[in-house]
């Protein structure tokens, strides 16, 4: 029986993004009031952006994002630097869901797995993480081991494995998550980084 070679559970990719520009655009978009965990959608299923479009038919497999078209939201269209970040990947592969995520000071995301967010899973997407704002008391654990992600870096994390986040600091944690369809370019990027 042939086994697929597993990639490392964490890989820092060779991209660095300008956190000052990301924070500036985040500040322009953010909702002032939020509780615990907040999401600003930057790309979403087309029918959620344009309600005149029909709801996609049922699918046997939602994992790979092919069940719908994906469109930039007004938040992304208003953010030229965030658009250029997404375009870094969009010129090489299909980009599906893109979000800015905020975890409040003192917030915790309990341990969980995302069964369709791993390079080894067929017909899936993978999620790239770009920290934007963090503090010394934020820890992202993957397989019970902290991942030392710095603002502006871009990471592939094998999220089919157990992961959790703690923010014991006094400021919120903000990151951009970009879901992409793995192809040869993506696999080469991850394997060679």
N, C-alpha and C. Protein backbone atom coordinates (compact mmCIF):
# COMPACT_ATOMS: atom_id res chain seq x y z
N UNK A 1 0.85 -1.18 0.00
CA UNK A 1 0.00 0.00 0.00
C UNK A 1 0.89 1.25 0.00
N UNK A 2 0.60 2.17 -0.91
CA UNK A 2 1.40 3.38 -1.02
C UNK A 2 0.92 4.42 -0.01
N UNK A 3 1.87 5.02 0.70
CA UNK A 3 1.51 6.07 1.67
C UNK A 3 2.00 7.42 1.15
N UNK A 4 1.16 8.41 1.35
CA UNK A 4 1.55 9.75 0.98
C UNK A 4 2.53 10.29 2.00
N UNK A 5 3.57 10.95 1.53
CA UNK A 5 4.54 11.56 2.43
C UNK A 5 3.89 12.74 3.14
N UNK A 6 3.99 12.78 4.45
CA UNK A 6 3.40 13.88 5.21
C UNK A 6 4.37 15.05 5.27
N UNK A 7 3.82 16.23 5.11
CA UNK A 7 4.64 17.43 5.26
C UNK A 7 4.80 17.73 6.74
N UNK A 8 5.71 18.61 7.05
CA UNK A 8 5.85 19.08 8.42
C UNK A 8 4.53 19.70 8.85
N UNK A 9 4.28 19.73 10.15
CA UNK A 9 3.00 20.29 10.61
C UNK A 9 3.00 21.82 10.59
N UNK A 10 4.18 22.45 10.42
CA UNK A 10 4.29 23.91 10.33
C UNK A 10 5.43 24.27 9.40
N UNK A 11 5.17 25.23 8.51
CA UNK A 11 6.19 25.65 7.56
C UNK A 11 6.07 27.16 7.39
N UNK A 12 7.16 27.87 7.68
CA UNK A 12 7.21 29.31 7.43
C UNK A 12 7.54 29.49 5.94
N UNK A 13 6.67 30.21 5.24
CA UNK A 13 6.82 30.39 3.81
C UNK A 13 7.66 31.64 3.52
N UNK A 14 8.23 31.75 2.32
CA UNK A 14 9.17 32.84 2.01
C UNK A 14 8.48 34.15 1.61
N UNK A 15 7.50 34.56 2.40
CA UNK A 15 6.81 35.83 2.16
C UNK A 15 6.82 36.63 3.45
N UNK A 16 7.01 37.93 3.33
CA UNK A 16 6.85 38.83 4.47
C UNK A 16 6.01 40.00 4.00
N UNK A 17 4.96 40.31 4.78
CA UNK A 17 4.04 41.37 4.40
C UNK A 17 4.18 42.54 5.38
N UNK A 18 3.84 43.71 4.91
CA UNK A 18 4.00 44.96 5.65
C UNK A 18 2.90 45.07 6.72
N UNK A 19 3.28 44.85 7.97
CA UNK A 19 2.26 44.86 9.04
C UNK A 19 1.69 46.26 9.27
N UNK A 20 2.47 47.29 9.07
CA UNK A 20 1.93 48.65 9.25
C UNK A 20 0.78 48.89 8.27
N UNK A 21 0.94 48.47 7.02
CA UNK A 21 -0.13 48.63 6.03
C UNK A 21 -1.32 47.74 6.37
N UNK A 22 -1.05 46.51 6.82
CA UNK A 22 -2.14 45.61 7.20
C UNK A 22 -2.93 46.19 8.38
N UNK A 23 -2.23 46.72 9.38
CA UNK A 23 -2.91 47.30 10.54
C UNK A 23 -3.71 48.53 10.13
N UNK A 24 -3.14 49.36 9.25
CA UNK A 24 -3.85 50.55 8.78
C UNK A 24 -5.17 50.16 8.09
N UNK A 25 -5.13 49.15 7.24
CA UNK A 25 -6.35 48.74 6.55
C UNK A 25 -7.30 48.04 7.50
N UNK A 26 -6.78 47.28 8.45
CA UNK A 26 -7.63 46.66 9.46
C UNK A 26 -8.36 47.73 10.27
N UNK A 27 -7.65 48.77 10.68
CA UNK A 27 -8.27 49.85 11.46
C UNK A 27 -9.38 50.52 10.67
N UNK A 28 -9.21 50.65 9.37
CA UNK A 28 -10.25 51.27 8.54
C UNK A 28 -11.48 50.37 8.42
N UNK A 29 -11.31 49.06 8.53
CA UNK A 29 -12.41 48.12 8.33
C UNK A 29 -13.10 47.68 9.61
N UNK A 30 -12.38 47.67 10.71
CA UNK A 30 -12.87 46.95 11.89
C UNK A 30 -14.14 47.54 12.49
N UNK A 31 -14.87 46.66 13.11
CA UNK A 31 -16.02 47.05 13.89
C UNK A 31 -15.49 47.35 15.29
N UNK A 32 -15.89 48.46 15.86
CA UNK A 32 -15.35 48.84 17.16
C UNK A 32 -15.80 47.92 18.29
N UNK A 33 -17.00 47.42 18.20
CA UNK A 33 -17.52 46.55 19.25
C UNK A 33 -17.44 45.10 18.78
N UNK A 34 -16.82 44.26 19.56
CA UNK A 34 -16.87 42.84 19.25
C UNK A 34 -16.67 42.05 20.52
N UNK A 35 -17.11 40.82 20.49
CA UNK A 35 -16.99 39.96 21.64
C UNK A 35 -16.19 38.73 21.26
N UNK A 36 -15.19 38.43 22.04
CA UNK A 36 -14.41 37.21 21.98
C UNK A 36 -13.66 37.01 20.66
N UNK A 37 -14.37 36.61 19.60
CA UNK A 37 -13.72 36.24 18.34
C UNK A 37 -14.51 36.88 17.22
N UNK A 38 -13.86 37.66 16.38
CA UNK A 38 -14.55 38.42 15.36
C UNK A 38 -13.94 38.09 14.00
N UNK A 39 -14.78 38.09 12.98
CA UNK A 39 -14.34 37.76 11.63
C UNK A 39 -14.72 38.90 10.69
N UNK A 40 -13.77 39.37 9.91
CA UNK A 40 -14.05 40.31 8.83
C UNK A 40 -13.85 39.53 7.53
N UNK A 41 -14.95 39.23 6.81
CA UNK A 41 -14.82 38.44 5.57
C UNK A 41 -14.23 39.27 4.44
N UNK A 42 -13.18 38.76 3.81
CA UNK A 42 -12.54 39.45 2.69
C UNK A 42 -12.86 38.79 1.35
N UNK A 43 -13.01 37.47 1.34
CA UNK A 43 -13.53 36.71 0.20
C UNK A 43 -14.55 35.74 0.76
N UNK A 44 -15.63 35.55 0.04
CA UNK A 44 -16.71 34.70 0.54
C UNK A 44 -17.45 34.06 -0.63
N UNK A 45 -18.30 33.05 -0.34
CA UNK A 45 -19.10 32.46 -1.42
C UNK A 45 -19.92 33.53 -2.13
N UNK A 46 -19.96 33.44 -3.44
CA UNK A 46 -20.59 34.47 -4.28
C UNK A 46 -22.03 34.77 -3.87
N UNK A 47 -22.81 33.75 -3.54
CA UNK A 47 -24.23 33.96 -3.22
C UNK A 47 -24.42 34.74 -1.92
N UNK A 48 -23.39 34.80 -1.07
CA UNK A 48 -23.48 35.59 0.15
C UNK A 48 -23.18 37.06 -0.11
N UNK A 49 -22.46 37.34 -1.17
CA UNK A 49 -22.11 38.73 -1.52
C UNK A 49 -23.17 39.32 -2.44
N UNK A 50 -23.57 38.55 -3.43
CA UNK A 50 -24.58 38.99 -4.39
C UNK A 50 -25.81 38.11 -4.20
N UNK A 51 -26.78 38.61 -3.44
CA UNK A 51 -27.94 37.78 -3.09
C UNK A 51 -28.85 37.49 -4.28
N UNK A 52 -28.59 38.11 -5.43
CA UNK A 52 -29.37 37.77 -6.62
C UNK A 52 -28.89 36.45 -7.23
N UNK A 53 -27.71 36.00 -6.82
CA UNK A 53 -27.20 34.73 -7.33
C UNK A 53 -27.88 33.58 -6.60
N UNK A 54 -28.11 32.47 -7.29
CA UNK A 54 -28.78 31.34 -6.65
C UNK A 54 -27.86 30.67 -5.62
N UNK A 55 -28.48 30.08 -4.63
CA UNK A 55 -27.74 29.29 -3.65
C UNK A 55 -27.18 28.07 -4.37
N UNK A 56 -25.93 27.71 -4.14
CA UNK A 56 -25.35 26.56 -4.85
C UNK A 56 -26.11 25.27 -4.53
N UNK A 57 -26.16 24.37 -5.49
CA UNK A 57 -26.82 23.09 -5.23
C UNK A 57 -26.04 22.28 -4.20
N UNK A 58 -26.70 21.31 -3.55
CA UNK A 58 -25.99 20.47 -2.59
C UNK A 58 -24.78 19.79 -3.23
N UNK A 59 -23.75 19.59 -2.45
CA UNK A 59 -22.53 18.99 -2.94
C UNK A 59 -22.14 17.82 -2.04
N UNK A 60 -21.52 16.82 -2.64
CA UNK A 60 -21.03 15.69 -1.84
C UNK A 60 -19.78 16.08 -1.07
N UNK A 61 -19.06 17.10 -1.56
CA UNK A 61 -17.80 17.47 -0.93
C UNK A 61 -17.63 18.98 -0.98
N UNK A 62 -17.72 19.61 0.18
CA UNK A 62 -17.56 21.05 0.27
C UNK A 62 -16.11 21.46 0.51
N UNK A 63 -15.25 20.49 0.76
CA UNK A 63 -13.90 20.78 1.24
C UNK A 63 -13.06 21.59 0.28
N UNK A 64 -13.15 21.31 -1.02
CA UNK A 64 -12.23 21.95 -1.95
C UNK A 64 -12.71 23.30 -2.48
N UNK A 65 -13.87 23.75 -2.06
CA UNK A 65 -14.35 25.06 -2.47
C UNK A 65 -14.92 25.13 -3.87
N UNK A 66 -14.98 24.00 -4.57
CA UNK A 66 -15.46 24.02 -5.96
C UNK A 66 -16.98 24.08 -6.04
N UNK A 67 -17.67 24.00 -4.93
CA UNK A 67 -19.13 23.99 -4.92
C UNK A 67 -19.73 25.37 -5.19
N UNK A 68 -18.90 26.41 -5.19
CA UNK A 68 -19.41 27.75 -5.43
C UNK A 68 -18.32 28.62 -6.07
N UNK A 69 -18.72 29.75 -6.56
CA UNK A 69 -17.77 30.78 -6.97
C UNK A 69 -17.44 31.60 -5.73
N UNK A 70 -16.27 32.19 -5.72
CA UNK A 70 -15.81 33.01 -4.60
C UNK A 70 -15.56 34.42 -5.09
N UNK A 71 -16.04 35.41 -4.35
CA UNK A 71 -15.89 36.80 -4.74
C UNK A 71 -15.23 37.61 -3.63
N UNK A 72 -14.55 38.68 -4.03
CA UNK A 72 -14.02 39.63 -3.05
C UNK A 72 -15.19 40.38 -2.43
N UNK A 73 -15.14 40.58 -1.12
CA UNK A 73 -16.17 41.36 -0.45
C UNK A 73 -15.84 42.85 -0.58
N UNK A 74 -16.77 43.69 -0.19
CA UNK A 74 -16.51 45.14 -0.22
C UNK A 74 -15.34 45.49 0.70
N UNK A 75 -15.15 44.74 1.77
CA UNK A 75 -14.02 44.99 2.67
C UNK A 75 -12.69 44.84 1.93
N UNK A 76 -12.57 43.79 1.13
CA UNK A 76 -11.33 43.58 0.39
C UNK A 76 -11.20 44.61 -0.73
N UNK A 77 -12.29 44.90 -1.40
CA UNK A 77 -12.25 45.86 -2.50
C UNK A 77 -11.83 47.26 -2.03
N UNK A 78 -12.08 47.57 -0.75
CA UNK A 78 -11.69 48.86 -0.17
C UNK A 78 -10.25 48.86 0.35
N UNK A 79 -9.56 47.73 0.26
CA UNK A 79 -8.26 47.57 0.91
C UNK A 79 -7.20 47.17 -0.11
N UNK A 80 -6.49 48.15 -0.65
CA UNK A 80 -5.56 47.87 -1.74
C UNK A 80 -4.40 46.98 -1.30
N UNK A 81 -3.88 47.18 -0.09
CA UNK A 81 -2.74 46.35 0.31
C UNK A 81 -3.19 44.91 0.59
N UNK A 82 -4.33 44.74 1.26
CA UNK A 82 -4.85 43.39 1.47
C UNK A 82 -5.11 42.69 0.14
N UNK A 83 -5.61 43.43 -0.84
CA UNK A 83 -5.82 42.86 -2.17
C UNK A 83 -4.50 42.38 -2.76
N UNK A 84 -3.43 43.17 -2.59
CA UNK A 84 -2.12 42.74 -3.12
C UNK A 84 -1.61 41.49 -2.40
N UNK A 85 -1.92 41.36 -1.10
CA UNK A 85 -1.53 40.15 -0.36
C UNK A 85 -2.26 38.94 -0.95
N UNK A 86 -3.57 39.06 -1.14
CA UNK A 86 -4.34 37.96 -1.73
C UNK A 86 -3.84 37.66 -3.15
N UNK A 87 -3.52 38.69 -3.91
CA UNK A 87 -3.04 38.50 -5.28
C UNK A 87 -1.70 37.75 -5.34
N UNK A 88 -0.91 37.83 -4.27
CA UNK A 88 0.34 37.07 -4.20
C UNK A 88 0.07 35.59 -4.45
N UNK A 89 -1.06 35.11 -3.96
CA UNK A 89 -1.41 33.69 -4.09
C UNK A 89 -2.37 33.46 -5.26
N UNK A 90 -3.25 34.41 -5.49
CA UNK A 90 -4.27 34.27 -6.54
C UNK A 90 -3.64 34.14 -7.93
N UNK A 91 -2.45 34.68 -8.13
CA UNK A 91 -1.83 34.55 -9.45
C UNK A 91 -1.26 33.14 -9.68
N UNK A 92 -1.21 32.32 -8.63
CA UNK A 92 -0.66 30.97 -8.76
C UNK A 92 -1.69 29.86 -8.55
N UNK A 93 -2.77 30.16 -7.82
CA UNK A 93 -3.75 29.12 -7.50
C UNK A 93 -5.08 29.78 -7.16
N UNK A 94 -6.11 28.96 -7.03
CA UNK A 94 -7.43 29.48 -6.68
C UNK A 94 -7.46 29.82 -5.19
N UNK A 95 -7.92 31.03 -4.89
CA UNK A 95 -8.10 31.48 -3.52
C UNK A 95 -9.59 31.42 -3.21
N UNK A 96 -9.94 30.78 -2.11
CA UNK A 96 -11.35 30.67 -1.74
C UNK A 96 -11.63 31.65 -0.58
N UNK A 97 -11.79 31.15 0.60
CA UNK A 97 -12.16 31.97 1.76
C UNK A 97 -10.96 32.76 2.27
N UNK A 98 -11.16 34.07 2.49
CA UNK A 98 -10.13 34.93 3.08
C UNK A 98 -10.80 35.75 4.18
N UNK A 99 -10.15 35.79 5.35
CA UNK A 99 -10.74 36.52 6.48
C UNK A 99 -9.67 37.20 7.32
N UNK A 100 -10.06 38.27 7.99
CA UNK A 100 -9.26 38.82 9.08
C UNK A 100 -9.93 38.35 10.35
N UNK A 101 -9.14 37.79 11.26
CA UNK A 101 -9.67 37.23 12.50
C UNK A 101 -9.11 37.99 13.69
N UNK A 102 -9.98 38.30 14.65
CA UNK A 102 -9.55 38.98 15.87
C UNK A 102 -9.92 38.11 17.07
N UNK A 103 -8.96 37.95 17.96
CA UNK A 103 -9.20 37.26 19.22
C UNK A 103 -8.95 38.27 20.33
N UNK A 104 -9.96 38.50 21.15
CA UNK A 104 -9.86 39.53 22.18
C UNK A 104 -8.79 39.21 23.22
N UNK A 105 -8.33 40.24 23.91
CA UNK A 105 -7.40 40.06 25.02
C UNK A 105 -8.05 39.13 26.04
N UNK A 106 -7.30 38.13 26.50
CA UNK A 106 -7.84 37.15 27.44
C UNK A 106 -8.61 36.03 26.78
N UNK A 107 -8.73 36.06 25.45
CA UNK A 107 -9.53 35.06 24.73
C UNK A 107 -8.78 33.76 24.50
N UNK A 108 -9.56 32.69 24.37
CA UNK A 108 -9.02 31.35 24.12
C UNK A 108 -9.84 30.71 23.00
N UNK A 109 -9.16 30.10 22.05
CA UNK A 109 -9.82 29.22 21.08
C UNK A 109 -9.47 27.81 21.51
N UNK A 110 -10.49 27.04 21.89
CA UNK A 110 -10.26 25.69 22.41
C UNK A 110 -9.67 24.78 21.35
N UNK A 111 -8.99 23.74 21.83
CA UNK A 111 -8.35 22.79 20.91
C UNK A 111 -9.39 22.15 20.00
N UNK A 112 -9.04 22.07 18.73
CA UNK A 112 -9.91 21.47 17.73
C UNK A 112 -9.07 21.06 16.53
N UNK A 113 -9.68 20.40 15.60
CA UNK A 113 -9.05 20.07 14.32
C UNK A 113 -9.96 20.55 13.20
N UNK A 114 -9.38 20.82 12.05
CA UNK A 114 -10.14 21.17 10.86
C UNK A 114 -9.87 20.07 9.85
N UNK A 115 -10.78 19.09 9.73
CA UNK A 115 -10.49 17.87 8.97
C UNK A 115 -10.20 18.06 7.49
N UNK A 116 -10.51 19.22 6.92
CA UNK A 116 -10.27 19.41 5.49
C UNK A 116 -9.16 20.41 5.20
N UNK A 117 -8.39 20.81 6.21
CA UNK A 117 -7.36 21.84 6.01
C UNK A 117 -5.95 21.27 6.16
N UNK A 118 -5.64 20.30 5.32
CA UNK A 118 -4.31 19.71 5.33
C UNK A 118 -3.88 19.35 3.93
N UNK A 119 -2.61 19.50 3.65
CA UNK A 119 -2.07 19.23 2.32
C UNK A 119 -2.26 17.77 1.92
N UNK A 120 -2.29 16.87 2.89
CA UNK A 120 -2.40 15.44 2.59
C UNK A 120 -3.83 15.00 2.27
N UNK A 121 -4.79 15.86 2.52
CA UNK A 121 -6.19 15.51 2.28
C UNK A 121 -6.53 15.80 0.81
N UNK A 122 -7.06 14.80 0.11
CA UNK A 122 -7.40 15.04 -1.30
C UNK A 122 -8.66 15.90 -1.36
N UNK A 123 -8.78 16.67 -2.43
CA UNK A 123 -9.92 17.56 -2.65
C UNK A 123 -10.17 18.46 -1.44
N UNK A 124 -9.14 19.16 -1.04
CA UNK A 124 -9.28 20.05 0.11
C UNK A 124 -8.64 21.39 -0.21
N UNK A 125 -8.72 22.28 0.75
CA UNK A 125 -7.98 23.53 0.68
C UNK A 125 -6.97 23.51 1.82
N UNK A 126 -6.01 24.41 1.74
CA UNK A 126 -5.12 24.61 2.88
C UNK A 126 -5.26 26.05 3.31
N UNK A 127 -4.96 26.31 4.56
CA UNK A 127 -5.08 27.66 5.11
C UNK A 127 -3.69 28.21 5.40
N UNK A 128 -3.45 29.41 4.88
CA UNK A 128 -2.23 30.15 5.21
C UNK A 128 -2.58 31.17 6.28
N UNK A 129 -1.67 31.38 7.21
CA UNK A 129 -1.89 32.31 8.31
C UNK A 129 -0.83 33.40 8.27
N UNK A 130 -1.28 34.65 8.33
CA UNK A 130 -0.39 35.81 8.39
C UNK A 130 -0.73 36.58 9.65
N UNK A 131 0.10 36.49 10.69
CA UNK A 131 -0.15 37.31 11.88
C UNK A 131 -0.01 38.79 11.54
N UNK A 132 -0.90 39.61 12.07
CA UNK A 132 -0.87 41.04 11.83
C UNK A 132 -0.51 41.78 13.11
N UNK A 133 -1.21 41.47 14.18
CA UNK A 133 -0.97 42.11 15.47
C UNK A 133 -1.01 41.02 16.54
N UNK A 134 -0.01 41.00 17.36
CA UNK A 134 0.06 39.98 18.40
C UNK A 134 0.73 40.59 19.63
N UNK A 135 0.91 39.81 20.65
CA UNK A 135 1.63 40.27 21.83
C UNK A 135 2.38 39.07 22.41
N UNK A 136 3.23 39.30 23.38
CA UNK A 136 4.07 38.23 23.94
C UNK A 136 3.27 37.15 24.67
N UNK A 137 2.01 37.44 24.94
CA UNK A 137 1.18 36.48 25.67
C UNK A 137 0.22 35.70 24.76
N UNK A 138 0.39 35.83 23.45
CA UNK A 138 -0.40 35.05 22.49
C UNK A 138 0.40 33.80 22.14
N UNK A 139 -0.25 32.64 22.23
CA UNK A 139 0.42 31.40 21.84
C UNK A 139 -0.52 30.58 20.96
N UNK A 140 -0.01 30.21 19.80
CA UNK A 140 -0.71 29.28 18.91
C UNK A 140 -0.05 27.93 19.09
N UNK A 141 -0.82 26.96 19.57
CA UNK A 141 -0.30 25.60 19.78
C UNK A 141 -0.76 24.70 18.64
N UNK A 142 0.17 23.97 18.08
CA UNK A 142 -0.12 22.95 17.07
C UNK A 142 0.52 21.67 17.55
N UNK A 143 -0.29 20.63 17.74
CA UNK A 143 0.20 19.37 18.32
C UNK A 143 0.89 19.63 19.67
N UNK A 144 0.29 20.52 20.46
CA UNK A 144 0.78 20.88 21.81
C UNK A 144 2.12 21.59 21.83
N UNK A 145 2.61 22.02 20.68
CA UNK A 145 3.89 22.73 20.60
C UNK A 145 3.62 24.14 20.07
N UNK A 146 4.10 25.19 20.75
CA UNK A 146 3.88 26.55 20.27
C UNK A 146 4.51 26.78 18.89
N UNK A 147 3.83 27.57 18.07
CA UNK A 147 4.34 27.99 16.77
C UNK A 147 4.71 29.47 16.93
N UNK A 148 5.98 29.79 16.76
CA UNK A 148 6.47 31.14 16.98
C UNK A 148 6.30 31.97 15.71
N UNK A 149 5.10 32.49 15.52
CA UNK A 149 4.79 33.27 14.32
C UNK A 149 4.93 34.76 14.63
N UNK A 150 5.65 35.46 13.79
CA UNK A 150 5.87 36.90 13.95
C UNK A 150 4.97 37.67 12.97
N UNK A 151 4.58 38.90 13.35
CA UNK A 151 3.75 39.71 12.44
C UNK A 151 4.40 39.87 11.07
N UNK A 152 3.55 39.71 10.04
CA UNK A 152 4.01 39.85 8.66
C UNK A 152 4.48 38.56 8.02
N UNK A 153 4.79 37.55 8.83
CA UNK A 153 5.21 36.26 8.27
C UNK A 153 4.00 35.51 7.70
N UNK A 154 4.27 34.54 6.85
CA UNK A 154 3.22 33.73 6.26
C UNK A 154 3.52 32.26 6.56
N UNK A 155 2.54 31.56 7.12
CA UNK A 155 2.75 30.19 7.58
C UNK A 155 1.72 29.24 6.98
N UNK A 156 2.19 28.05 6.62
CA UNK A 156 1.30 26.91 6.39
C UNK A 156 1.30 26.10 7.68
N UNK A 157 0.11 25.83 8.19
CA UNK A 157 -0.06 25.00 9.39
C UNK A 157 -0.98 23.84 9.02
N UNK A 158 -0.59 22.64 9.39
CA UNK A 158 -1.41 21.46 9.08
C UNK A 158 -2.54 21.40 10.13
N UNK A 159 -3.66 22.03 9.78
CA UNK A 159 -4.75 22.22 10.74
C UNK A 159 -5.65 21.00 10.88
N UNK A 160 -5.32 19.92 10.17
CA UNK A 160 -6.01 18.66 10.45
C UNK A 160 -5.53 18.10 11.79
N UNK A 161 -4.41 18.64 12.28
CA UNK A 161 -3.87 18.24 13.59
C UNK A 161 -4.48 19.13 14.67
N UNK A 162 -4.44 18.68 15.93
CA UNK A 162 -5.02 19.48 17.02
C UNK A 162 -4.28 20.81 17.19
N UNK A 163 -5.07 21.87 17.33
CA UNK A 163 -4.49 23.20 17.54
C UNK A 163 -5.42 24.04 18.41
N UNK A 164 -4.83 25.02 19.08
CA UNK A 164 -5.57 25.93 19.96
C UNK A 164 -4.79 27.23 20.06
N UNK A 165 -5.48 28.27 20.55
CA UNK A 165 -4.85 29.59 20.68
C UNK A 165 -5.21 30.17 22.04
N UNK A 166 -4.23 30.76 22.69
CA UNK A 166 -4.49 31.51 23.92
C UNK A 166 -3.97 32.93 23.74
N UNK A 167 -4.75 33.88 24.23
CA UNK A 167 -4.31 35.28 24.23
C UNK A 167 -4.45 35.79 25.66
N UNK A 168 -3.39 35.63 26.44
CA UNK A 168 -3.42 36.08 27.83
C UNK A 168 -2.89 37.51 27.97
N UNK A 169 -2.69 38.17 26.83
CA UNK A 169 -2.18 39.54 26.84
C UNK A 169 -3.29 40.56 27.04
N UNK A 170 -2.91 41.82 26.96
CA UNK A 170 -3.85 42.93 27.17
C UNK A 170 -4.33 43.54 25.86
N UNK A 171 -3.87 43.01 24.73
CA UNK A 171 -4.30 43.52 23.42
C UNK A 171 -4.84 42.36 22.58
N UNK A 172 -5.64 42.72 21.58
CA UNK A 172 -6.21 41.70 20.71
C UNK A 172 -5.15 41.08 19.80
N UNK A 173 -5.46 39.90 19.30
CA UNK A 173 -4.61 39.23 18.31
C UNK A 173 -5.36 39.32 16.99
N UNK A 174 -4.66 39.70 15.92
CA UNK A 174 -5.27 39.81 14.59
C UNK A 174 -4.43 39.02 13.61
N UNK A 175 -5.08 38.24 12.77
CA UNK A 175 -4.36 37.56 11.70
C UNK A 175 -5.22 37.50 10.46
N UNK A 176 -4.57 37.31 9.32
CA UNK A 176 -5.27 37.09 8.06
C UNK A 176 -5.16 35.61 7.76
N UNK A 177 -6.29 34.99 7.42
CA UNK A 177 -6.25 33.59 6.98
C UNK A 177 -6.70 33.54 5.52
N UNK A 178 -5.93 32.79 4.73
CA UNK A 178 -6.17 32.68 3.29
C UNK A 178 -6.26 31.20 2.94
N UNK A 179 -7.43 30.78 2.48
CA UNK A 179 -7.62 29.40 2.05
C UNK A 179 -7.34 29.30 0.55
N UNK A 180 -6.49 28.35 0.18
CA UNK A 180 -6.11 28.19 -1.23
C UNK A 180 -6.20 26.72 -1.62
N UNK A 181 -6.38 26.50 -2.92
CA UNK A 181 -6.42 25.14 -3.46
C UNK A 181 -4.98 24.69 -3.70
N UNK A 182 -4.57 23.57 -3.10
CA UNK A 182 -3.21 23.10 -3.33
C UNK A 182 -3.01 22.66 -4.79
N UNK A 183 -1.92 23.10 -5.37
CA UNK A 183 -1.52 22.66 -6.70
C UNK A 183 -0.01 22.43 -6.66
N UNK A 184 0.60 22.18 -7.79
CA UNK A 184 2.04 21.90 -7.80
C UNK A 184 2.85 23.08 -7.25
N UNK A 185 2.45 24.31 -7.59
CA UNK A 185 3.15 25.49 -7.08
C UNK A 185 3.09 25.53 -5.55
N UNK A 186 1.90 25.31 -5.01
CA UNK A 186 1.70 25.35 -3.55
C UNK A 186 2.51 24.25 -2.88
N UNK A 187 2.41 23.04 -3.42
CA UNK A 187 3.14 21.90 -2.82
C UNK A 187 4.65 22.15 -2.85
N UNK A 188 5.15 22.65 -3.98
CA UNK A 188 6.58 22.95 -4.07
C UNK A 188 7.00 24.03 -3.09
N UNK A 189 6.18 25.04 -2.95
CA UNK A 189 6.46 26.14 -2.02
C UNK A 189 6.59 25.60 -0.59
N UNK A 190 5.65 24.76 -0.19
CA UNK A 190 5.65 24.21 1.17
C UNK A 190 6.82 23.24 1.36
N UNK A 191 7.03 22.36 0.41
CA UNK A 191 8.08 21.35 0.56
C UNK A 191 9.47 21.97 0.53
N UNK A 192 9.65 23.10 -0.15
CA UNK A 192 10.97 23.70 -0.28
C UNK A 192 11.25 24.83 0.69
N UNK A 193 10.29 25.13 1.55
CA UNK A 193 10.49 26.22 2.52
C UNK A 193 11.01 25.68 3.84
